[in-house]
Amino acid sequence: MSKLENAVPGYKHLIVEPYTPNIGALIHDLDLAKIQDEAVRAELRKALGEYQVLFFRRQQLTPEQQIDVARVFGDPDKTKAFFPRHDSVQSIELIETKPVGHRYGTDQWHADITFSANPPTGTVLYSHIIPAAGGDTLWSSGTAVYDSLPRALQLYLEELEAVHSFEHSGWPNYFAQLENGEEIYRKARADNLPVVHPVVQTHPVTGKKIVYVNPNFTDRIKGLSRQQSDALLTFLFAQFLRPEFQARLRWEANTVAIWDNRATVHYATADYGNQHRLLHRVTFGEDRAF
C-alpha cells in the first residue's frame, strides 16, 4: 500500500484523501473485489460515516462482487426504485441513457427513494459506459446544511415533519411513456402512498443532525400553509446548492461511488446530449433507516 502526503490519520488499512473540506473522500490503492478482511470492511464503514461519499477509481467488479461491496454497508435487497434490473442479478438496477431513448429525470437534487417509509441507507454506483464529457454526479451534505443554520432555525425545523411522495417526482412521466404505462402507474401509486419524515433526522451511526428534505420527493411541510411550506422548502433546498457543501465527481469507466443516502442528496447532470451512459446501481438498507 503506497503512502499519500495528504492522507488522513486514523486508518490502518485504507489510504483516505479528503475530496473537499465538507464532504467526500478518495480511497486509494484498494481493490474492492478483495475486501474480505473484516478490518478493511470496518474502516470502509467508518470512512463512509465520516465523509458521506467515497470514490474509488480503476475497479473491476463482477455483478456478484458489487453486491458483496454493498453488503459491507447493509442489505442489498432492501427498497428499490423502478429502474430496469440486471438480467442475472436482480438487486442491481441499470441506470442507462442511450442515444435515443428515455432519460430518467435524475437531474435534480434528491435522496434515493425517500417516498418510502424505510428508504435505502446508501448506494453503490459502478460506471460501465461513460460519455467523453459530461454526466458528472454531485453530492451535497445535509449535515453541513444543518450545521450552517442559526440555532433558532435548527430548533424550529426539528419540530417539523414533511410529506414525501413519488408523484412529486418525474416517475409518473416515465410511466406514461411505457407500454401499459397507466396500469403500471396505478400500481406504483397504490404501492407507494405519501409518507411523512421529520425535516431534521439524527444519523443513527454518527449522531449528527441532517436536514432531510429534497426537491424531487418532498412535497410539503405538515402544519404549514402551502405558501409557507413552499417558502421554507425553497430556502432549505437553496442551502444544498452552496458549492462548499458539495462534491462533484467526473466519472471515468470503472469508477465506484458509495454514498450515505441518509446524510446526502445528489444530482446527475444531463449535459451529455445523445452519448451513451451506463451505470450499475445497488441500493442497500436496514430494517429501519433511522
C-alpha atoms as a PDB file:
ATOM      1  CA  MET A   1       0.000   0.000   0.000  1.00  0.00           C
ATOM      2  CA  SER A   2       1.501   3.318  -1.060  1.00  0.00           C
ATOM      3  CA  LYS A   3       1.614   6.449   1.043  1.00  0.00           C
ATOM      4  CA  LEU A   4      -0.129   9.707   0.223  1.00  0.00           C
ATOM      5  CA  GLU A   5       1.060  13.041   1.567  1.00  0.00           C
ATOM      6  CA  ASN A   6      -2.413  14.344   2.436  1.00  0.00           C
ATOM      7  CA  ALA A   7      -3.925  11.036   3.585  1.00  0.00           C
ATOM      8  CA  VAL A   8      -5.775  11.413   6.877  1.00  0.00           C
ATOM      9  CA  PRO A   9      -4.560   9.611  10.010  1.00  0.00           C
ATOM     10  CA  GLY A  10      -6.639   7.087  11.901  1.00  0.00           C
ATOM     11  CA  TYR A  11      -6.864   4.431   9.186  1.00  0.00           C
ATOM     12  CA  LYS A  12      -4.582   1.371   9.241  1.00  0.00           C
ATOM     13  CA  HIS A  13      -5.928  -0.370   6.151  1.00  0.00           C
ATOM     14  CA  LEU A  14      -7.129   2.471   3.913  1.00  0.00           C
ATOM     15  CA  ILE A  15      -5.477   5.459   2.265  1.00  0.00           C
ATOM     16  CA  VAL A  16      -8.146   8.155   2.633  1.00  0.00           C
ATOM     17  CA  GLU A  17      -7.779  11.517   0.891  1.00  0.00           C
ATOM     18  CA  PRO A  18     -10.455  14.153   1.635  1.00  0.00           C
ATOM     19  CA  TYR A  19     -12.191  15.214  -1.574  1.00  0.00           C
ATOM     20  CA  THR A  20     -13.472  18.555  -0.250  1.00  0.00           C
ATOM     21  CA  PRO A  21     -13.350  20.028   3.263  1.00  0.00           C
ATOM     22  CA  ASN A  22     -17.017  19.209   3.971  1.00  0.00           C
ATOM     23  CA  ILE A  23     -17.894  16.069   2.006  1.00  0.00           C
ATOM     24  CA  GLY A  24     -16.305  13.196   0.144  1.00  0.00           C
ATOM     25  CA  ALA A  25     -13.097  11.159   0.148  1.00  0.00           C
ATOM     26  CA  LEU A  26     -10.989   9.334  -2.416  1.00  0.00           C
ATOM     27  CA  ILE A  27      -9.865   5.878  -1.330  1.00  0.00           C
ATOM     28  CA  HIS A  28      -6.552   4.978  -2.938  1.00  0.00           C
ATOM     29  CA  ASP A  29      -4.955   1.622  -3.775  1.00  0.00           C
ATOM     30  CA  LEU A  30      -7.882  -0.549  -2.753  1.00  0.00           C
ATOM     31  CA  ASP A  31      -9.303  -3.350  -4.887  1.00  0.00           C
ATOM     32  CA  LEU A  32     -12.982  -3.589  -3.932  1.00  0.00           C
ATOM     33  CA  ALA A  33     -13.053  -7.133  -5.308  1.00  0.00           C
ATOM     34  CA  LYS A  34     -10.701  -8.158  -2.468  1.00  0.00           C
ATOM     35  CA  ILE A  35     -12.121  -6.770   0.769  1.00  0.00           C
ATOM     36  CA  GLN A  36     -12.887  -9.946   2.681  1.00  0.00           C
ATOM     37  CA  ASP A  37     -10.844  -8.809   5.694  1.00  0.00           C
ATOM     38  CA  GLU A  38     -13.295  -7.555   8.326  1.00  0.00           C
ATOM     39  CA  ALA A  39     -10.805  -4.906   9.486  1.00  0.00           C
ATOM     40  CA  VAL A  40     -10.870  -3.369   5.993  1.00  0.00           C
ATOM     41  CA  ARG A  41     -14.656  -3.548   5.853  1.00  0.00           C
ATOM     42  CA  ALA A  42     -14.930  -1.871   9.261  1.00  0.00           C
ATOM     43  CA  GLU A  43     -12.712   1.003   8.088  1.00  0.00           C
ATOM     44  CA  LEU A  44     -14.845   1.397   4.964  1.00  0.00           C
ATOM     45  CA  ARG A  45     -17.917   1.806   7.176  1.00  0.00           C
ATOM     46  CA  LYS A  46     -16.034   4.297   9.327  1.00  0.00           C
ATOM     47  CA  ALA A  47     -14.960   6.299   6.277  1.00  0.00           C
ATOM     48  CA  LEU A  48     -18.487   6.396   4.843  1.00  0.00           C
ATOM     49  CA  GLY A  49     -19.836   7.737   8.132  1.00  0.00           C
ATOM     50  CA  GLU A  50     -17.122  10.360   8.304  1.00  0.00           C
ATOM     51  CA  TYR A  51     -17.083  11.527   4.670  1.00  0.00           C
ATOM     52  CA  GLN A  52     -20.612  10.626   3.449  1.00  0.00           C
ATOM     53  CA  VAL A  53     -19.486   9.710  -0.088  1.00  0.00           C
ATOM     54  CA  LEU A  54     -16.455   7.636  -1.105  1.00  0.00           C
ATOM     55  CA  PHE A  55     -14.819   7.407  -4.550  1.00  0.00           C
ATOM     56  CA  PHE A  56     -12.760   4.520  -5.937  1.00  0.00           C
ATOM     57  CA  ARG A  57     -11.025   4.601  -9.341  1.00  0.00           C
ATOM     58  CA  ARG A  58      -9.899   1.725 -11.591  1.00  0.00           C
ATOM     59  CA  GLN A  59     -12.143  -1.013 -10.202  1.00  0.00           C
ATOM     60  CA  GLN A  60     -13.058  -4.298 -11.909  1.00  0.00           C
ATOM     61  CA  LEU A  61     -16.179  -5.787 -10.330  1.00  0.00           C
ATOM     62  CA  THR A  62     -18.449  -8.580 -11.404  1.00  0.00           C
ATOM     63  CA  PRO A  63     -22.138  -8.092 -10.543  1.00  0.00           C
ATOM     64  CA  GLU A  64     -21.719 -10.515  -7.644  1.00  0.00           C
ATOM     65  CA  GLN A  65     -18.716  -8.594  -6.340  1.00  0.00           C
ATOM     66  CA  GLN A  66     -20.641  -5.316  -6.485  1.00  0.00           C
ATOM     67  CA  ILE A  67     -23.346  -6.947  -4.376  1.00  0.00           C
ATOM     68  CA  ASP A  68     -20.691  -8.065  -1.892  1.00  0.00           C
ATOM     69  CA  VAL A  69     -19.407  -4.481  -1.645  1.00  0.00           C
ATOM     70  CA  ALA A  70     -22.935  -3.322  -0.832  1.00  0.00           C
ATOM     71  CA  ARG A  71     -23.166  -5.972   1.913  1.00  0.00           C
ATOM     72  CA  VAL A  72     -20.291  -4.259   3.714  1.00  0.00           C
ATOM     73  CA  PHE A  73     -22.725  -1.446   4.499  1.00  0.00           C
ATOM     74  CA  GLY A  74     -26.199  -3.002   4.530  1.00  0.00           C
ATOM     75  CA  ASP A  75     -28.722  -5.307   2.908  1.00  0.00           C
ATOM     76  CA  PRO A  76     -28.681  -5.038  -0.919  1.00  0.00           C
ATOM     77  CA  ASP A  77     -32.190  -6.485  -1.171  1.00  0.00           C
ATOM     78  CA  LYS A  78     -33.967  -3.611   0.565  1.00  0.00           C
ATOM     79  CA  THR A  79     -36.022  -0.854  -1.114  1.00  0.00           C
ATOM     80  CA  LYS A  80     -35.580  -0.385  -4.880  1.00  0.00           C
ATOM     81  CA  ALA A  81     -36.917   2.153  -7.371  1.00  0.00           C
ATOM     82  CA  PHE A  82     -38.415   1.489 -10.814  1.00  0.00           C
ATOM     83  CA  PHE A  83     -35.244   1.162 -12.919  1.00  0.00           C
ATOM     84  CA  PRO A  84     -34.673  -1.883 -15.148  1.00  0.00           C
ATOM     85  CA  ARG A  85     -32.833  -4.733 -13.426  1.00  0.00           C
ATOM     86  CA  HIS A  86     -29.728  -6.688 -14.349  1.00  0.00           C
ATOM     87  CA  ASP A  87     -30.582  -9.918 -16.182  1.00  0.00           C
ATOM     88  CA  SER A  88     -28.801 -12.246 -13.761  1.00  0.00           C
ATOM     89  CA  VAL A  89     -28.544 -10.210 -10.530  1.00  0.00           C
ATOM     90  CA  GLN A  90     -31.879  -8.636  -9.698  1.00  0.00           C
ATOM     91  CA  SER A  91     -30.506  -6.475  -6.881  1.00  0.00           C
ATOM     92  CA  ILE A  92     -28.609  -4.427  -9.494  1.00  0.00           C
ATOM     93  CA  GLU A  93     -30.508  -1.617 -11.212  1.00  0.00           C
ATOM     94  CA  LEU A  94     -29.392  -0.369 -14.625  1.00  0.00           C
ATOM     95  CA  ILE A  95     -29.044   3.403 -14.872  1.00  0.00           C
ATOM     96  CA  GLU A  96     -28.772   3.756 -18.617  1.00  0.00           C
ATOM     97  CA  THR A  97     -29.245   6.550 -21.121  1.00  0.00           C
ATOM     98  CA  LYS A  98     -28.996   5.569 -24.774  1.00  0.00           C
ATOM     99  CA  PRO A  99     -28.537   7.889 -27.781  1.00  0.00           C
ATOM    100  CA  VAL A 100     -32.246   7.506 -28.490  1.00  0.00           C
ATOM    101  CA  GLY A 101     -34.484   6.826 -25.537  1.00  0.00           C
ATOM    102  CA  HIS A 102     -35.850   7.964 -22.210  1.00  0.00           C
ATOM    103  CA  ARG A 103     -33.930   9.990 -19.632  1.00  0.00           C
ATOM    104  CA  TYR A 104     -34.889   9.288 -16.052  1.00  0.00           C
ATOM    105  CA  GLY A 105     -35.048  12.821 -14.713  1.00  0.00           C
ATOM    106  CA  THR A 106     -32.349  12.310 -12.065  1.00  0.00           C
ATOM    107  CA  ASP A 107     -31.003  15.755 -12.958  1.00  0.00           C
ATOM    108  CA  GLN A 108     -32.477  17.328  -9.859  1.00  0.00           C
ATOM    109  CA  TRP A 109     -31.385  17.127  -6.255  1.00  0.00           C
ATOM    110  CA  HIS A 110     -32.710  14.085  -4.427  1.00  0.00           C
ATOM    111  CA  ALA A 111     -32.003  11.367  -1.927  1.00  0.00           C
ATOM    112  CA  ASP A 112     -32.958   7.939  -3.210  1.00  0.00           C
ATOM    113  CA  ILE A 113     -36.492   6.699  -2.614  1.00  0.00           C
ATOM    114  CA  THR A 114     -37.449   8.958   0.297  1.00  0.00           C
ATOM    115  CA  PHE A 115     -41.050   8.396  -0.824  1.00  0.00           C
ATOM    116  CA  SER A 116     -40.685   5.072   1.040  1.00  0.00           C
ATOM    117  CA  ALA A 117     -41.337   4.704   4.764  1.00  0.00           C
ATOM    118  CA  ASN A 118     -37.936   2.998   5.000  1.00  0.00           C
ATOM    119  CA  PRO A 119     -35.605   4.469   2.350  1.00  0.00           C
ATOM    120  CA  PRO A 120     -32.260   2.861   1.494  1.00  0.00           C
ATOM    121  CA  THR A 121     -29.376   3.876   3.703  1.00  0.00           C
ATOM    122  CA  GLY A 122     -26.873   4.057   0.865  1.00  0.00           C
ATOM    123  CA  THR A 123     -25.880   3.233  -2.678  1.00  0.00           C
ATOM    124  CA  VAL A 124     -23.014   1.603  -4.580  1.00  0.00           C
ATOM    125  CA  LEU A 125     -22.839   3.026  -8.130  1.00  0.00           C
ATOM    126  CA  TYR A 126     -20.401   1.483 -10.629  1.00  0.00           C
ATOM    127  CA  SER A 127     -19.692   3.052 -14.021  1.00  0.00           C
ATOM    128  CA  HIS A 128     -19.512   0.947 -17.193  1.00  0.00           C
ATOM    129  CA  ILE A 129     -20.050   3.304 -20.154  1.00  0.00           C
ATOM    130  CA  ILE A 130     -19.291   6.990 -19.637  1.00  0.00           C
ATOM    131  CA  PRO A 131     -19.659   9.940 -22.037  1.00  0.00           C
ATOM    132  CA  ALA A 132     -16.479  11.527 -23.324  1.00  0.00           C
ATOM    133  CA  ALA A 133     -17.519  14.650 -21.439  1.00  0.00           C
ATOM    134  CA  GLY A 134     -20.431  15.433 -19.157  1.00  0.00           C
ATOM    135  CA  GLY A 135     -22.604  13.265 -16.964  1.00  0.00           C
ATOM    136  CA  ASP A 136     -20.949  14.278 -13.695  1.00  0.00           C
ATOM    137  CA  THR A 137     -22.692  13.481 -10.421  1.00  0.00           C
ATOM    138  CA  LEU A 138     -22.769  15.916  -7.499  1.00  0.00           C
ATOM    139  CA  TRP A 139     -23.460  15.250  -3.825  1.00  0.00           C
ATOM    140  CA  SER A 140     -24.386  17.781  -1.147  1.00  0.00           C
ATOM    141  CA  SER A 141     -24.228  17.261   2.603  1.00  0.00           C
ATOM    142  CA  GLY A 142     -27.403  17.509   4.660  1.00  0.00           C
ATOM    143  CA  THR A 143     -25.190  17.549   7.737  1.00  0.00           C
ATOM    144  CA  ALA A 144     -23.295  20.607   6.516  1.00  0.00           C
ATOM    145  CA  VAL A 145     -26.598  22.315   5.681  1.00  0.00           C
ATOM    146  CA  TYR A 146     -27.938  21.712   9.199  1.00  0.00           C
ATOM    147  CA  ASP A 147     -24.716  22.914  10.826  1.00  0.00           C
ATOM    148  CA  SER A 148     -24.819  26.144   8.790  1.00  0.00           C
ATOM    149  CA  LEU A 149     -28.241  27.221  10.061  1.00  0.00           C
ATOM    150  CA  PRO A 150     -28.865  29.553  13.012  1.00  0.00           C
ATOM    151  CA  ARG A 151     -29.630  27.701  16.228  1.00  0.00           C
ATOM    152  CA  ALA A 152     -33.146  29.111  16.449  1.00  0.00           C
ATOM    153  CA  LEU A 153     -33.945  27.831  12.967  1.00  0.00           C
ATOM    154  CA  GLN A 154     -32.439  24.435  13.759  1.00  0.00           C
ATOM    155  CA  LEU A 155     -34.733  24.112  16.780  1.00  0.00           C
ATOM    156  CA  TYR A 156     -37.780  25.170  14.749  1.00  0.00           C
ATOM    157  CA  LEU A 157     -37.046  22.669  11.966  1.00  0.00           C
ATOM    158  CA  GLU A 158     -36.616  19.871  14.495  1.00  0.00           C
ATOM    159  CA  GLU A 159     -40.306  20.208  15.367  1.00  0.00           C
ATOM    160  CA  LEU A 160     -41.486  19.858  11.748  1.00  0.00           C
ATOM    161  CA  GLU A 161     -42.430  16.930   9.512  1.00  0.00           C
ATOM    162  CA  ALA A 162     -42.569  16.785   5.714  1.00  0.00           C
ATOM    163  CA  VAL A 163     -44.613  14.747   3.253  1.00  0.00           C
ATOM    164  CA  HIS A 164     -42.620  12.804   0.636  1.00  0.00           C
ATOM    165  CA  SER A 165     -44.311  11.419  -2.471  1.00  0.00           C
ATOM    166  CA  PHE A 166     -43.165   9.646  -5.630  1.00  0.00           C
ATOM    167  CA  GLU A 167     -45.883  11.537  -7.526  1.00  0.00           C
ATOM    168  CA  HIS A 168     -43.967  14.736  -6.766  1.00  0.00           C
ATOM    169  CA  SER A 169     -41.078  13.400  -8.888  1.00  0.00           C
ATOM    170  CA  GLY A 170     -40.591  12.597 -12.563  1.00  0.00           C
ATOM    171  CA  TRP A 171     -41.585   8.950 -12.239  1.00  0.00           C
ATOM    172  CA  PRO A 172     -45.221   9.428 -13.391  1.00  0.00           C
ATOM    173  CA  ASN A 173     -43.941  10.981 -16.632  1.00  0.00           C
ATOM    174  CA  TYR A 174     -41.659   7.983 -17.102  1.00  0.00           C
ATOM    175  CA  PHE A 175     -44.538   5.537 -16.661  1.00  0.00           C
ATOM    176  CA  ALA A 176     -46.593   7.450 -19.236  1.00  0.00           C
ATOM    177  CA  GLN A 177     -44.046   6.512 -21.935  1.00  0.00           C
ATOM    178  CA  LEU A 178     -44.218   2.778 -21.251  1.00  0.00           C
ATOM    179  CA  GLU A 179     -46.453   0.173 -22.776  1.00  0.00           C
ATOM    180  CA  ASN A 180     -49.210  -0.432 -20.229  1.00  0.00           C
ATOM    181  CA  GLY A 181     -47.858   2.668 -18.505  1.00  0.00           C
ATOM    182  CA  GLU A 182     -51.193   3.667 -16.980  1.00  0.00           C
ATOM    183  CA  GLU A 183     -51.568   0.267 -15.363  1.00  0.00           C
ATOM    184  CA  ILE A 184     -48.004   0.369 -14.053  1.00  0.00           C
ATOM    185  CA  TYR A 185     -48.536   3.883 -12.728  1.00  0.00           C
ATOM    186  CA  ARG A 186     -51.731   2.946 -10.889  1.00  0.00           C
ATOM    187  CA  LYS A 187     -49.995   0.029  -9.185  1.00  0.00           C
ATOM    188  CA  ALA A 188     -46.965   2.148  -8.274  1.00  0.00           C
ATOM    189  CA  ARG A 189     -49.223   4.824  -6.800  1.00  0.00           C
ATOM    190  CA  ALA A 190     -51.151   2.252  -4.749  1.00  0.00           C
ATOM    191  CA  ASP A 191     -47.917   0.666  -3.511  1.00  0.00           C
ATOM    192  CA  ASN A 192     -46.261   3.991  -2.661  1.00  0.00           C
ATOM    193  CA  LEU A 193     -48.637   6.212  -0.762  1.00  0.00           C
ATOM    194  CA  PRO A 194     -47.200   9.502   0.548  1.00  0.00           C
ATOM    195  CA  VAL A 195     -45.097   9.138   3.694  1.00  0.00           C
ATOM    196  CA  VAL A 196     -44.046  11.543   6.423  1.00  0.00           C
ATOM    197  CA  HIS A 197     -40.446  12.045   7.590  1.00  0.00           C
ATOM    198  CA  PRO A 198     -39.028  14.522  10.125  1.00  0.00           C
ATOM    199  CA  VAL A 199     -37.491  17.581   8.484  1.00  0.00           C
ATOM    200  CA  VAL A 200     -34.430  17.015  10.685  1.00  0.00           C
ATOM    201  CA  GLN A 201     -33.144  13.488  11.227  1.00  0.00           C
ATOM    202  CA  THR A 202     -30.432  12.224  13.570  1.00  0.00           C
ATOM    203  CA  HIS A 203     -27.985   9.866  11.914  1.00  0.00           C
ATOM    204  CA  PRO A 204     -28.058   6.578  13.860  1.00  0.00           C
ATOM    205  CA  VAL A 205     -24.338   5.914  13.308  1.00  0.00           C
ATOM    206  CA  THR A 206     -22.700   9.339  13.564  1.00  0.00           C
ATOM    207  CA  GLY A 207     -25.261  11.013  15.838  1.00  0.00           C
ATOM    208  CA  LYS A 208     -25.144  14.113  13.637  1.00  0.00           C
ATOM    209  CA  LYS A 209     -28.246  16.103  12.644  1.00  0.00           C
ATOM    210  CA  ILE A 210     -29.322  16.144   8.982  1.00  0.00           C
ATOM    211  CA  VAL A 211     -31.704  18.383   7.040  1.00  0.00           C
ATOM    212  CA  TYR A 212     -33.802  15.644   5.427  1.00  0.00           C
ATOM    213  CA  VAL A 213     -35.724  17.190   2.529  1.00  0.00           C
ATOM    214  CA  ASN A 214     -35.143  17.108  -1.218  1.00  0.00           C
ATOM    215  CA  PRO A 215     -36.805  18.774  -4.235  1.00  0.00           C
ATOM    216  CA  ASN A 216     -37.526  15.520  -6.070  1.00  0.00           C
ATOM    217  CA  PHE A 217     -39.691  13.868  -3.436  1.00  0.00           C
ATOM    218  CA  THR A 218     -40.545  16.354  -0.662  1.00  0.00           C
ATOM    219  CA  ASP A 219     -43.987  17.780  -1.418  1.00  0.00           C
ATOM    220  CA  ARG A 220     -44.844  19.926   1.591  1.00  0.00           C
ATOM    221  CA  ILE A 221     -44.301  20.543   5.285  1.00  0.00           C
ATOM    222  CA  LYS A 222     -47.125  19.449   7.542  1.00  0.00           C
ATOM    223  CA  GLY A 223     -48.922  22.084   9.576  1.00  0.00           C
ATOM    224  CA  LEU A 224     -47.946  24.997   7.321  1.00  0.00           C
ATOM    225  CA  SER A 225     -49.988  26.618   4.597  1.00  0.00           C
ATOM    226  CA  ARG A 226     -48.902  25.805   1.059  1.00  0.00           C
ATOM    227  CA  GLN A 227     -47.377  29.274   0.717  1.00  0.00           C
ATOM    228  CA  GLN A 228     -45.450  28.957   3.975  1.00  0.00           C
ATOM    229  CA  SER A 229     -44.336  25.420   3.144  1.00  0.00           C
ATOM    230  CA  ASP A 230     -43.151  26.361  -0.329  1.00  0.00           C
ATOM    231  CA  ALA A 231     -41.210  29.344   1.011  1.00  0.00           C
ATOM    232  CA  LEU A 232     -39.465  27.328   3.712  1.00  0.00           C
ATOM    233  CA  LEU A 233     -38.661  24.399   1.407  1.00  0.00           C
ATOM    234  CA  THR A 234     -37.337  26.767  -1.244  1.00  0.00           C
ATOM    235  CA  PHE A 235     -34.984  28.258   1.351  1.00  0.00           C
ATOM    236  CA  LEU A 236     -33.813  24.825   2.539  1.00  0.00           C
ATOM    237  CA  PHE A 237     -33.332  23.465  -0.971  1.00  0.00           C
ATOM    238  CA  ALA A 238     -31.195  26.506  -1.788  1.00  0.00           C
ATOM    239  CA  GLN A 239     -28.786  25.669   1.043  1.00  0.00           C
ATOM    240  CA  PHE A 240     -27.831  22.422  -0.697  1.00  0.00           C
ATOM    241  CA  LEU A 241     -26.722  24.493  -3.716  1.00  0.00           C
ATOM    242  CA  ARG A 242     -23.863  26.096  -1.795  1.00  0.00           C
ATOM    243  CA  PRO A 243     -20.677  24.861  -3.523  1.00  0.00           C
ATOM    244  CA  GLU A 244     -18.801  24.488  -0.243  1.00  0.00           C
ATOM    245  CA  PHE A 245     -21.228  21.752   0.801  1.00  0.00           C
ATOM    246  CA  GLN A 246     -20.784  19.778  -2.439  1.00  0.00           C
ATOM    247  CA  ALA A 247     -18.544  17.195  -4.063  1.00  0.00           C
ATOM    248  CA  ARG A 248     -18.604  16.814  -7.858  1.00  0.00           C
ATOM    249  CA  LEU A 249     -17.347  13.618  -9.472  1.00  0.00           C
ATOM    250  CA  ARG A 250     -16.192  13.427 -13.071  1.00  0.00           C
ATOM    251  CA  TRP A 251     -16.833   9.808 -13.913  1.00  0.00           C
ATOM    252  CA  GLU A 252     -14.378   7.520 -15.633  1.00  0.00           C
ATOM    253  CA  ALA A 253     -15.112   3.963 -16.679  1.00  0.00           C
ATOM    254  CA  ASN A 254     -14.723   1.534 -13.751  1.00  0.00           C
ATOM    255  CA  THR A 255     -15.242   4.155 -11.063  1.00  0.00           C
ATOM    256  CA  VAL A 256     -17.256   3.297  -7.950  1.00  0.00           C
ATOM    257  CA  ALA A 257     -19.064   5.848  -5.790  1.00  0.00           C
ATOM    258  CA  ILE A 258     -20.562   4.782  -2.464  1.00  0.00           C
ATOM    259  CA  TRP A 259     -22.697   7.251  -0.575  1.00  0.00           C
ATOM    260  CA  ASP A 260     -24.757   7.588   2.564  1.00  0.00           C
ATOM    261  CA  ASN A 261     -28.312   8.171   1.364  1.00  0.00           C
ATOM    262  CA  ARG A 262     -29.357   9.414   4.805  1.00  0.00           C
ATOM    263  CA  ALA A 263     -26.834  12.234   5.033  1.00  0.00           C
ATOM    264  CA  THR A 264     -26.661  13.462   1.421  1.00  0.00           C
ATOM    265  CA  VAL A 265     -28.616  14.467  -1.647  1.00  0.00           C
ATOM    266  CA  HIS A 266     -27.240  14.050  -5.161  1.00  0.00           C
ATOM    267  CA  TYR A 267     -27.724  15.313  -8.715  1.00  0.00           C
ATOM    268  CA  ALA A 268     -26.899  13.595 -12.016  1.00  0.00           C
ATOM    269  CA  THR A 269     -26.120  16.198 -14.656  1.00  0.00           C
ATOM    270  CA  ALA A 270     -27.781  15.610 -18.049  1.00  0.00           C
ATOM    271  CA  ASP A 271     -25.386  17.616 -20.216  1.00  0.00           C
ATOM    272  CA  TYR A 272     -24.035  14.850 -22.461  1.00  0.00           C
ATOM    273  CA  GLY A 273     -26.503  15.010 -25.340  1.00  0.00           C
ATOM    274  CA  ASN A 274     -27.048  11.714 -27.131  1.00  0.00           C
ATOM    275  CA  GLN A 275     -23.974   9.954 -25.731  1.00  0.00           C
ATOM    276  CA  HIS A 276     -24.392   6.522 -24.170  1.00  0.00           C
ATOM    277  CA  ARG A 277     -24.124   6.262 -20.377  1.00  0.00           C
ATOM    278  CA  LEU A 278     -24.496   3.079 -18.294  1.00  0.00           C
ATOM    279  CA  LEU A 279     -24.002   2.569 -14.568  1.00  0.00           C
ATOM    280  CA  HIS A 280     -24.928  -0.319 -12.297  1.00  0.00           C
ATOM    281  CA  ARG A 281     -26.628   0.714  -9.067  1.00  0.00           C
ATOM    282  CA  VAL A 282     -27.123  -1.259  -5.861  1.00  0.00           C
ATOM    283  CA  THR A 283     -29.008   0.407  -3.045  1.00  0.00           C
ATOM    284  CA  PHE A 284     -28.565  -1.062   0.424  1.00  0.00           C
ATOM    285  CA  GLY A 285     -30.552  -0.624   3.588  1.00  0.00           C
ATOM    286  CA  GLU A 286     -31.517  -1.792   7.024  1.00  0.00           C
ATOM    287  CA  ASP A 287     -34.754  -2.740   8.757  1.00  0.00           C
ATOM    288  CA  ARG A 288     -35.012   0.920   9.814  1.00  0.00           C
ATOM    289  CA  ALA A 289     -33.084   3.714   8.134  1.00  0.00           C
ATOM    290  CA  PHE A 290     -33.349   5.944  11.231  1.00  0.00           C
END
